[in-house]
Structures are given as C-alpha cells and as structure tokens.
Amino acid sequence: MGKSDAEVIALFNEQVNMTPDELEAWLDDPQSAKAGTGVGLESGRRIVEILRKNPSKAPDGYDEEDMAHIRKVVGYNSRHLAQEGHLKDTKTAEQLEDTKSTISLKNWGHDPVKVKLQEEGKAPDDSEDPKEANGHNEAGVGDDAELGDEDAEGDEDAEGELEDAEADDAVPEAPDEAEAGDKRKRNEARVEQHDGQEAKADEADAGRQHKKQHTEDEAKEGEE
C-alpha cells in the first residue's frame, strides 16, 4: 500500500534539507552538472519552485503536480540514501563533498554533508528534533524506497551516475579479504600438519633410540 500524501510530505520535508536559496546556488554551480544527464538538475529546479511556493510547508499548499514531483523526490532520495547513506560514516566531510553520490543527492535537495556536520555538532540543525528526523530518514528509508519503484524508475536510469558512485566511493566489499583469510587458514593448517608429522617422526626416532640403548644396556649387564 502506498504512502499517504501526509506521510510523503513529511518525508519530503525531512529529506530536502537545503533551503531554496542554497539549492538554487548549488544548481548554478558547475559542480552540480558533474552528476550526469541533467535529470537531477531539472528536479532541483522544480524543488526550488515547490519550496518557494509553500514556504510554510502547509500540507494543503501543494497541488497535484507538486505532489507528483514530491513523491518522485522522496522515492529517489529514499532509495539512494538506503544504498549510499553509509558514505557519510566512512568519509570526512571534505571527501564526502566530492563524491558523485553527494553531487546527485544535492541535485535532489538532500545534502549529506550538512547531515554529517550536524551529527558532529559542527553545523546548525534546521529541524526541531534532529535525532528523530535523522532517525526516520535513515532507519525508515528502506520502507519508503517503495515510492521510488514506480515514481522514479525512469530517473534512476537517467541518473546512472549513482551506480558509478557506489563503485567509486562505497566501502569496498570483502571477498578478497575473505579469500586471503581462507588462504591463511589453509597455510596454517598445512604448517600444523607438517609440524605434527615431524613431531611424530621425532618421537618415533626417539623411541627407537631409547629401545636400542635399552637393549645395549641389557647386553652389557648380561656380560657383567
């Protein structure tokens, strides 16, 4: 079952954490064009219009066209925050600023660098309850990704740079580490096996020598 308009509007207001002036200035920056096809830039311009049209964020201040784009924005941001939200936990603010993921998300009104700085206490928080807002945005983002499957499917294809962002910026997966760990275990097992065989051989040799010495001692005693 889809989200109600009220739920979608609430998510839109949480995820779009850039003011109209901030977003407009960003869209005018050549850096914003580095994310790909321009679909995000068009979306950002539309977001600016929506924010300025209804500065009080009144739920009844949006028409059908506004709601259609708001749903698209929420679907897009929810889906990609679920995929790439961890980047802000693995990179510095400076590193995060330059990722393709950040560039694309900012085109859609969400600035992950601002979120990171707020969490670190280095930037003012625009929300009344930042923990609740961020918690909903991060924890509930997987459930809200359903919105994007219908409303932003075309935009996901057009914004293929986010796939590049995962390849370039995401924390590397660990198959190589796992393979290396398995190889170390196999080497250790071979060393242990080899050491065990040598120990058994030494023990057997020591037993033979002991038996030989015992026999010689018995022979000497018999001669005496």
Protein backbone atom coordinates (compact mmCIF):
# COMPACT_ATOMS: atom_id res chain seq x y z
CA MET A 1 0.00 0.00 0.00
CA GLY A 2 1.38 3.40 -0.97
CA LYS A 3 2.16 6.21 1.41
CA SER A 4 -0.49 8.85 2.07
CA ASP A 5 0.11 12.41 0.92
CA ALA A 6 0.73 13.48 4.52
CA GLU A 7 3.39 10.80 5.00
CA VAL A 8 5.09 11.68 1.73
CA ILE A 9 5.11 15.39 2.56
CA ALA A 10 6.65 14.68 5.96
CA LEU A 11 9.41 12.63 4.34
CA PHE A 12 9.97 15.32 1.71
CA ASN A 13 10.45 17.93 4.42
CA GLU A 14 12.92 15.69 6.25
CA GLN A 15 14.97 14.65 3.25
CA VAL A 16 15.10 18.01 1.46
CA ASN A 17 17.40 19.72 3.93
CA MET A 18 18.55 22.55 1.63
CA THR A 19 16.83 25.94 1.60
CA PRO A 20 15.57 27.30 -1.73
CA ASP A 21 18.49 29.75 -1.84
CA GLU A 22 21.04 27.03 -1.02
CA LEU A 23 19.63 24.67 -3.63
CA GLU A 24 19.41 27.36 -6.29
CA ALA A 25 23.01 28.45 -5.64
CA TRP A 26 24.13 24.83 -5.84
CA LEU A 27 22.32 24.24 -9.15
CA ASP A 28 24.08 27.31 -10.57
CA ASP A 29 27.44 25.87 -9.52
CA PRO A 30 29.20 23.96 -12.38
CA GLN A 31 29.91 21.20 -9.84
CA SER A 32 26.23 20.25 -9.87
CA ALA A 33 26.45 19.26 -13.54
CA LYS A 34 29.06 16.59 -12.84
CA ALA A 35 26.46 14.04 -11.77
CA GLY A 36 25.33 13.04 -15.23
CA THR A 37 22.38 13.58 -17.52
CA GLY A 38 20.73 16.69 -16.09
CA VAL A 39 17.56 14.99 -14.84
CA GLY A 40 18.63 15.82 -11.30
CA LEU A 41 19.18 19.47 -12.23
CA GLU A 42 15.66 19.68 -13.62
CA SER A 43 14.32 18.06 -10.48
CA GLY A 44 16.25 20.51 -8.31
CA ARG A 45 14.77 23.50 -10.14
CA ARG A 46 11.30 22.06 -9.57
CA ILE A 47 12.06 21.54 -5.88
CA VAL A 48 13.09 25.19 -5.58
CA GLU A 49 9.73 26.21 -7.08
CA ILE A 50 7.83 23.98 -4.64
CA LEU A 51 9.74 25.26 -1.60
CA ARG A 52 9.20 28.91 -2.56
CA LYS A 53 5.57 28.35 -3.45
CA ASN A 54 4.79 26.96 0.00
CA PRO A 55 7.40 28.32 2.46
CA SER A 56 5.25 27.43 5.47
CA LYS A 57 5.18 23.79 4.27
CA ALA A 58 1.43 23.61 4.82
CA PRO A 59 0.14 20.18 3.73
CA ASP A 60 -2.71 21.79 1.79
CA GLY A 61 -0.35 24.15 -0.02
CA TYR A 62 0.58 21.67 -2.77
CA ASP A 63 -1.34 20.92 -5.94
CA GLU A 64 -1.41 17.63 -7.84
CA GLU A 65 1.67 18.46 -9.92
CA ASP A 66 3.58 19.41 -6.78
CA MET A 67 2.61 16.15 -5.11
CA ALA A 68 3.63 14.13 -8.15
CA HIS A 69 7.12 15.60 -8.01
CA ILE A 70 7.30 15.39 -4.22
CA ARG A 71 6.60 11.66 -4.47
CA LYS A 72 9.28 11.32 -7.11
CA VAL A 73 11.81 13.17 -4.92
CA VAL A 74 11.00 11.08 -1.86
CA GLY A 75 11.21 7.86 -3.84
CA TYR A 76 14.55 8.81 -5.35
CA ASN A 77 16.13 10.06 -2.13
CA SER A 78 14.80 7.18 -0.06
CA ARG A 79 16.16 4.58 -2.44
CA HIS A 80 19.60 6.12 -2.82
CA LEU A 81 20.04 7.07 0.83
CA ALA A 82 19.40 3.42 1.62
CA GLN A 83 22.12 2.45 -0.85
CA GLU A 84 24.66 5.19 -0.18
CA GLY A 85 23.83 6.72 3.20
CA HIS A 86 26.76 4.86 4.77
CA LEU A 87 29.24 7.02 2.84
CA LYS A 88 28.90 9.83 5.36
CA ASP A 89 30.02 7.40 8.06
CA THR A 90 33.15 6.32 6.20
CA LYS A 91 34.39 9.62 4.76
CA THR A 92 35.37 13.05 6.03
CA ALA A 93 33.15 15.99 5.13
CA GLU A 94 35.70 17.08 2.53
CA GLN A 95 35.83 13.62 0.94
CA LEU A 96 32.05 13.30 1.02
CA GLU A 97 31.61 16.66 -0.70
CA ASP A 98 33.39 15.44 -3.82
CA THR A 99 31.59 12.12 -4.30
CA LYS A 100 29.22 11.63 -7.22
CA SER A 101 26.64 10.38 -4.74
CA THR A 102 26.65 13.69 -2.86
CA ILE A 103 26.51 15.73 -6.06
CA SER A 104 23.49 13.79 -7.31
CA LEU A 105 21.65 13.80 -3.97
CA LYS A 106 22.16 17.56 -3.63
CA ASN A 107 20.56 17.99 -7.05
CA TRP A 108 17.53 16.30 -5.48
CA GLY A 109 17.59 18.62 -2.46
CA HIS A 110 19.41 16.43 0.07
CA ASP A 111 22.84 17.49 1.33
CA PRO A 112 24.53 14.57 3.14
CA VAL A 113 27.47 16.79 4.12
CA LYS A 114 25.10 19.02 6.08
CA VAL A 115 23.71 15.93 7.85
CA LYS A 116 27.22 14.76 8.72
CA LEU A 117 28.24 18.15 10.11
CA GLN A 118 25.03 18.35 12.14
CA GLU A 119 25.65 14.91 13.60
CA GLU A 120 29.17 16.01 14.52
CA GLY A 121 27.84 19.22 16.09
CA LYS A 122 29.61 21.40 13.53
CA ALA A 123 26.56 22.89 11.80
CA PRO A 124 23.20 24.32 12.97
CA ASP A 125 20.30 21.92 12.78
CA ASP A 126 17.20 23.17 10.98
CA SER A 127 14.89 20.54 12.47
CA GLU A 128 13.18 20.72 15.85
CA ASP A 129 14.30 17.21 16.76
CA PRO A 130 17.38 16.27 14.71
CA LYS A 131 17.71 12.81 16.21
CA GLU A 132 14.12 11.96 15.38
CA ALA A 133 14.37 13.44 11.89
CA ASN A 134 17.65 11.74 11.08
CA GLY A 135 16.48 8.52 12.66
CA HIS A 136 13.39 8.45 10.49
CA ASN A 137 15.35 9.37 7.43
CA GLU A 138 17.99 6.69 7.95
CA ALA A 139 16.03 3.95 9.71
CA GLY A 140 12.80 4.30 7.74
CA VAL A 141 14.40 4.88 4.41
CA GLY A 142 14.22 1.24 3.35
CA ASP A 143 10.44 1.13 3.77
CA ASP A 144 9.99 4.36 1.86
CA ALA A 145 12.04 3.10 -1.07
CA GLU A 146 8.81 1.55 -2.41
CA LEU A 147 7.81 5.02 -3.58
CA GLY A 148 10.71 5.17 -5.97
CA ASP A 149 9.96 1.90 -7.71
CA GLU A 150 7.01 3.44 -9.56
CA ASP A 151 7.59 7.19 -9.38
CA ALA A 152 11.32 7.48 -10.06
CA GLU A 153 12.24 4.41 -12.06
CA GLY A 154 12.99 6.46 -15.16
CA ASP A 155 15.03 8.93 -13.16
CA GLU A 156 17.13 6.16 -11.67
CA ASP A 157 18.12 5.06 -15.16
CA ALA A 158 18.85 8.64 -16.19
CA GLU A 159 20.88 9.21 -13.05
CA GLY A 160 23.16 6.24 -13.65
CA GLU A 161 25.99 8.14 -12.03
CA LEU A 162 24.86 6.81 -8.67
CA GLU A 163 25.87 3.35 -9.78
CA ASP A 164 29.28 4.82 -10.56
CA ALA A 165 29.26 6.43 -7.13
CA GLU A 166 28.89 3.06 -5.45
CA ALA A 167 31.80 1.70 -7.45
CA ASP A 168 33.99 4.75 -6.80
CA ASP A 169 33.05 5.74 -3.28
CA ALA A 170 31.41 2.90 -1.41
CA VAL A 171 33.28 0.91 1.19
CA PRO A 172 34.87 -1.99 -0.69
CA GLU A 173 33.29 -5.36 -0.20
CA ALA A 174 35.43 -8.03 1.40
CA PRO A 175 35.65 -11.05 -0.93
CA ASP A 176 39.40 -10.55 -1.34
CA GLU A 177 39.87 -10.32 2.41
CA ALA A 178 37.80 -13.45 2.92
CA GLU A 179 39.78 -15.28 0.26
CA ALA A 180 43.03 -14.13 1.84
CA GLY A 181 41.76 -15.30 5.23
CA ASP A 182 40.90 -18.72 3.83
CA LYS A 183 44.34 -18.97 2.25
CA ARG A 184 46.00 -18.09 5.55
CA LYS A 185 43.93 -20.73 7.31
CA ARG A 186 44.90 -23.35 4.73
CA ASN A 187 48.58 -22.42 5.07
CA GLU A 188 48.36 -22.57 8.85
CA ALA A 189 46.66 -25.95 8.63
CA ARG A 190 49.42 -27.27 6.34
CA VAL A 191 52.10 -25.93 8.69
CA GLU A 192 50.39 -27.53 11.69
CA GLN A 193 50.08 -30.81 9.79
CA HIS A 194 53.73 -30.69 8.75
CA ASP A 195 54.84 -29.85 12.29
CA GLY A 196 52.70 -32.67 13.61
CA GLN A 197 54.25 -35.14 11.19
CA GLU A 198 57.76 -34.01 12.11
CA ALA A 199 56.90 -34.31 15.80
CA LYS A 200 55.62 -37.85 15.29
CA ALA A 201 58.75 -38.75 13.32
CA ASP A 202 60.98 -37.34 16.05
CA GLU A 203 59.02 -39.20 18.68
CA ALA A 204 59.31 -42.47 16.75
CA ASP A 205 63.04 -41.93 16.22
CA ALA A 206 63.50 -41.16 19.90
CA GLY A 207 61.62 -44.33 20.78
CA ARG A 208 63.84 -46.43 18.52
CA GLN A 209 66.97 -44.90 20.01
CA HIS A 210 65.66 -45.45 23.51
CA LYS A 211 64.88 -49.09 22.72
CA LYS A 212 68.31 -49.59 21.16
CA GLN A 213 70.03 -48.05 24.19
CA HIS A 214 67.95 -50.18 26.50
CA THR A 215 68.95 -53.31 24.57
CA GLU A 216 72.62 -52.38 24.69
CA ASP A 217 72.42 -51.71 28.41
CA GLU A 218 70.80 -55.10 28.99
CA ALA A 219 73.53 -56.74 26.91
CA LYS A 220 76.24 -55.08 28.96
CA GLU A 221 74.58 -56.15 32.18
CA GLY A 222 74.45 -59.72 30.89
CA GLU A 223 78.15 -59.70 30.09
CA GLU A 224 78.99 -58.47 33.57
